[in-house]
């Protein structure tokens, strides 16, 4: 049985959302500073957390993380590279792996222009038929392949 493009797209989105529902994300806020560090509890961080950072110890889903990021309105948001890479690897085999930004866009409710700017609210898109968002790939805001390159 051949899976057509629409069915493949739905299966892919379902896989992304299933990964997003897992409570693995954490936050660390520098004491008295600005911004937040975002990491996964189940991945060894590649970067040291800011000295004196206060960690949010309860793991969150992607949806809970998004809510917390919007509530706190941090600038900048420092995404741990190892956590981003692990997420992208879970999304599927090469060449179907998304950028991290494409995965994040699939599992969040708001339209995130970059890791340094909070969502401005839903924006129309011809690419994403089921909700607002942006296009993906090397020429998009999210940059390179497998979650590396560009701003994500």
Protein backbone atom coordinates (compact mmCIF):
# COMPACT_ATOMS: atom_id res chain seq x y z
CA UNK A 1 0.00 0.00 0.00
CA UNK A 2 1.43 3.35 -1.07
CA UNK A 3 1.22 6.20 1.40
CA UNK A 4 0.37 9.41 -0.43
CA UNK A 5 1.92 12.77 0.48
CA UNK A 6 -1.03 13.94 2.59
CA UNK A 7 -1.00 10.72 4.61
CA UNK A 8 2.78 10.94 5.01
CA UNK A 9 2.49 14.56 6.17
CA UNK A 10 -0.16 13.57 8.76
CA UNK A 11 1.96 10.65 10.02
CA UNK A 12 4.95 12.94 10.32
CA UNK A 13 2.98 15.59 12.23
CA UNK A 14 1.57 12.89 14.53
CA UNK A 15 5.12 11.64 15.26
CA UNK A 16 6.33 15.20 16.00
CA UNK A 17 3.39 15.80 18.35
CA UNK A 18 3.98 12.50 20.16
CA UNK A 19 7.58 13.55 20.79
CA UNK A 20 6.33 16.96 21.92
CA UNK A 21 3.97 15.42 24.49
CA UNK A 22 6.87 13.80 26.36
CA UNK A 23 7.73 15.70 29.56
CA UNK A 24 11.50 16.06 29.06
CA UNK A 25 12.12 19.84 28.80
CA UNK A 26 13.59 22.02 31.51
CA UNK A 27 14.48 25.66 32.09
CA UNK A 28 17.24 27.41 33.95
CA UNK A 29 17.13 31.10 34.77
CA UNK A 30 20.25 33.03 35.70
CA UNK A 31 19.96 34.47 39.19
CA UNK A 32 19.23 38.17 38.74
CA UNK A 33 19.92 37.98 35.01
CA UNK A 34 17.95 38.00 31.80
CA UNK A 35 16.97 35.16 29.50
CA UNK A 36 16.53 31.44 30.00
CA UNK A 37 18.46 28.31 29.14
CA UNK A 38 16.28 25.53 27.70
CA UNK A 39 17.44 21.91 27.91
CA UNK A 40 16.13 18.36 28.03
CA UNK A 41 16.33 16.48 31.32
CA UNK A 42 17.04 13.23 29.46
CA UNK A 43 20.00 14.60 27.45
CA UNK A 44 23.38 15.50 28.82
CA UNK A 45 23.74 19.23 28.29
CA UNK A 46 26.59 20.37 26.08
CA UNK A 47 26.70 23.83 27.58
CA UNK A 48 27.19 24.75 31.19
CA UNK A 49 24.19 26.39 32.77
CA UNK A 50 24.73 29.99 33.85
CA UNK A 51 26.49 30.26 37.21
CA UNK A 52 23.93 30.36 40.01
CA UNK A 53 21.12 29.47 37.60
CA UNK A 54 17.84 28.37 39.13
CA UNK A 55 16.61 25.20 37.42
CA UNK A 56 12.96 24.37 36.85
CA UNK A 57 13.21 20.78 38.08
CA UNK A 58 9.84 19.46 36.91
CA UNK A 59 10.14 18.19 33.31
CA UNK A 60 7.68 19.77 30.87
CA UNK A 61 6.14 18.84 27.53
CA UNK A 62 6.77 21.11 24.54
CA UNK A 63 3.35 22.68 25.07
CA UNK A 64 4.08 23.38 28.74
CA UNK A 65 7.50 24.74 27.78
CA UNK A 66 5.94 27.08 25.22
CA UNK A 67 3.45 28.35 27.82
CA UNK A 68 6.26 28.98 30.30
CA UNK A 69 8.42 30.77 27.72
CA UNK A 70 5.56 33.06 26.72
CA UNK A 71 4.63 33.71 30.36
CA UNK A 72 8.17 34.62 31.33
CA UNK A 73 8.88 36.54 28.10
CA UNK A 74 12.63 35.88 28.35
CA UNK A 75 15.21 37.40 26.07
CA UNK A 76 17.35 35.71 24.99
CA UNK A 77 16.37 32.05 24.99
CA UNK A 78 19.44 29.82 24.93
CA UNK A 79 18.50 26.43 23.44
CA UNK A 80 20.88 23.62 24.35
CA UNK A 81 22.39 22.20 21.14
CA UNK A 82 22.50 18.59 22.37
CA UNK A 83 18.82 18.77 23.34
CA UNK A 84 17.86 20.20 19.95
CA UNK A 85 19.89 17.54 18.14
CA UNK A 86 18.38 14.70 20.20
CA UNK A 87 14.89 15.96 19.39
CA UNK A 88 15.62 16.13 15.66
CA UNK A 89 17.06 12.58 15.69
CA UNK A 90 13.87 11.26 17.31
CA UNK A 91 11.76 12.74 14.52
CA UNK A 92 12.79 10.17 11.94
CA UNK A 93 15.54 8.83 9.74
CA UNK A 94 17.55 10.87 7.26
CA UNK A 95 16.44 12.42 4.85
CA UNK A 96 13.07 13.03 6.53
CA UNK A 97 14.49 14.70 9.63
CA UNK A 98 13.21 18.23 10.13
CA UNK A 99 15.07 21.23 11.38
CA UNK A 100 14.49 21.82 15.06
CA UNK A 101 12.43 24.88 14.13
CA UNK A 102 10.13 22.81 11.91
CA UNK A 103 9.54 20.38 14.78
CA UNK A 104 8.95 23.25 17.25
CA UNK A 105 6.48 24.85 14.84
CA UNK A 106 4.56 21.56 14.56
CA UNK A 107 4.20 21.11 18.33
CA UNK A 108 3.50 24.66 19.49
CA UNK A 109 0.41 26.85 19.24
CA UNK A 110 2.03 30.21 18.49
CA UNK A 111 4.12 31.34 15.54
CA UNK A 112 7.73 31.60 16.75
CA UNK A 113 9.86 33.78 14.44
CA UNK A 114 13.18 32.82 16.08
CA UNK A 115 14.57 31.68 19.42
CA UNK A 116 15.26 35.32 20.28
CA UNK A 117 11.80 36.76 19.62
CA UNK A 118 8.63 35.63 21.32
CA UNK A 119 5.56 34.83 19.21
CA UNK A 120 3.70 37.76 17.73
CA UNK A 121 0.53 35.70 17.36
CA UNK A 122 -0.83 33.54 14.56
CA UNK A 123 0.19 34.43 11.03
CA UNK A 124 -1.32 33.01 7.84
CA UNK A 125 0.69 30.55 5.79
CA UNK A 126 0.09 28.74 2.54
CA UNK A 127 2.58 26.03 3.51
CA UNK A 128 1.00 24.82 6.75
CA UNK A 129 -2.60 23.88 5.92
CA UNK A 130 -3.76 22.94 9.43
CA UNK A 131 -2.53 25.98 11.38
CA UNK A 132 -0.49 29.14 11.16
CA UNK A 133 3.25 28.89 10.72
CA UNK A 134 6.08 29.36 8.30
CA UNK A 135 7.84 27.37 5.62
CA UNK A 136 10.82 25.25 6.52
CA UNK A 137 14.22 24.39 5.17
CA UNK A 138 17.51 26.11 4.47
CA UNK A 139 15.89 29.31 3.17
CA UNK A 140 13.45 29.77 6.07
CA UNK A 141 13.92 31.62 9.35
CA UNK A 142 14.87 28.31 10.94
CA UNK A 143 17.94 27.72 8.78
CA UNK A 144 20.01 24.63 7.90
CA UNK A 145 19.36 20.94 8.08
CA UNK A 146 18.89 18.64 11.08
CA UNK A 147 18.39 21.58 13.41
CA UNK A 148 21.78 23.14 12.76
CA UNK A 149 22.59 26.33 10.93
CA UNK A 150 20.56 29.49 10.91
CA UNK A 151 19.10 30.71 14.15
CA UNK A 152 17.72 27.34 15.27
